[in-house]
């Protein structure tokens, strides 16, 4: 399965660039980067970066509330 994911990343230059940018961030490994690209459709699923940031913040808020 990992080889298939790598093949998809390598087949598209925009995906490959975003993958490289994501994995250059400290604590973002290949699994998280691939998941973010897949879920966001290479960051085209959200109209603006602000909408994506709001979504991520809601996820974090829900995660923190679940721990209480």
Protein backbone atom coordinates (compact mmCIF):
# COMPACT_ATOMS: atom_id res chain seq x y z
CA UNK A 1 0.00 0.00 0.00
CA UNK A 2 2.83 2.41 0.77
CA UNK A 3 4.20 1.93 -2.72
CA UNK A 4 0.80 2.80 -4.22
CA UNK A 5 0.63 5.98 -2.17
CA UNK A 6 4.15 6.94 -3.26
CA UNK A 7 3.20 6.26 -6.90
CA UNK A 8 0.18 8.59 -6.65
CA UNK A 9 2.30 11.32 -5.06
CA UNK A 10 5.00 10.99 -7.71
CA UNK A 11 2.49 11.01 -10.59
CA UNK A 12 1.26 14.57 -10.00
CA UNK A 13 3.67 17.50 -9.72
CA UNK A 14 1.31 19.64 -7.60
CA UNK A 15 0.72 16.78 -5.16
CA UNK A 16 4.43 16.03 -5.07
CA UNK A 17 5.27 19.66 -4.27
CA UNK A 18 2.69 19.87 -1.47
CA UNK A 19 3.90 16.55 -0.07
CA UNK A 20 7.48 17.84 -0.01
CA UNK A 21 6.39 21.08 1.64
CA UNK A 22 4.33 19.26 4.25
CA UNK A 23 7.04 16.79 5.14
CA UNK A 24 9.53 19.64 5.54
CA UNK A 25 7.49 20.82 8.56
CA UNK A 26 8.72 19.51 11.88
CA UNK A 27 6.47 16.69 13.20
CA UNK A 28 4.70 16.18 9.85
CA UNK A 29 5.69 12.77 8.58
CA UNK A 30 4.77 10.91 5.43
CA UNK A 31 1.55 9.43 6.83
CA UNK A 32 0.14 12.75 8.05
CA UNK A 33 1.17 14.52 4.84
CA UNK A 34 -0.48 11.88 2.65
CA UNK A 35 -3.64 11.98 4.77
CA UNK A 36 -3.86 15.76 4.58
CA UNK A 37 -3.42 15.72 0.81
CA UNK A 38 -5.99 12.95 0.38
CA UNK A 39 -8.58 14.49 2.68
CA UNK A 40 -8.26 18.01 1.29
CA UNK A 41 -7.97 16.86 -2.34
CA UNK A 42 -4.54 18.45 -2.45
CA UNK A 43 -5.86 21.50 -0.59
CA UNK A 44 -8.56 22.27 -3.17
CA UNK A 45 -11.47 21.10 -1.02
CA UNK A 46 -11.59 24.37 0.93
CA UNK A 47 -12.14 27.65 -0.89
CA UNK A 48 -9.61 29.57 1.19
CA UNK A 49 -6.81 28.85 3.62
CA UNK A 50 -8.93 30.50 6.32
CA UNK A 51 -11.71 27.95 5.85
CA UNK A 52 -9.19 25.14 6.11
CA UNK A 53 -7.71 26.72 9.26
CA UNK A 54 -11.19 27.03 10.80
CA UNK A 55 -11.87 23.38 10.05
CA UNK A 56 -8.58 22.31 11.65
CA UNK A 57 -9.33 24.46 14.68
CA UNK A 58 -12.74 22.80 15.05
CA UNK A 59 -11.10 19.39 14.92
CA UNK A 60 -8.65 20.40 17.63
CA UNK A 61 -11.44 21.84 19.75
CA UNK A 62 -13.50 18.64 19.44
CA UNK A 63 -10.45 16.52 20.30
CA UNK A 64 -9.69 18.61 23.38
CA UNK A 65 -13.32 18.51 24.55
CA UNK A 66 -13.35 14.74 24.23
CA UNK A 67 -10.45 14.54 26.69
CA UNK A 68 -12.28 16.48 29.41
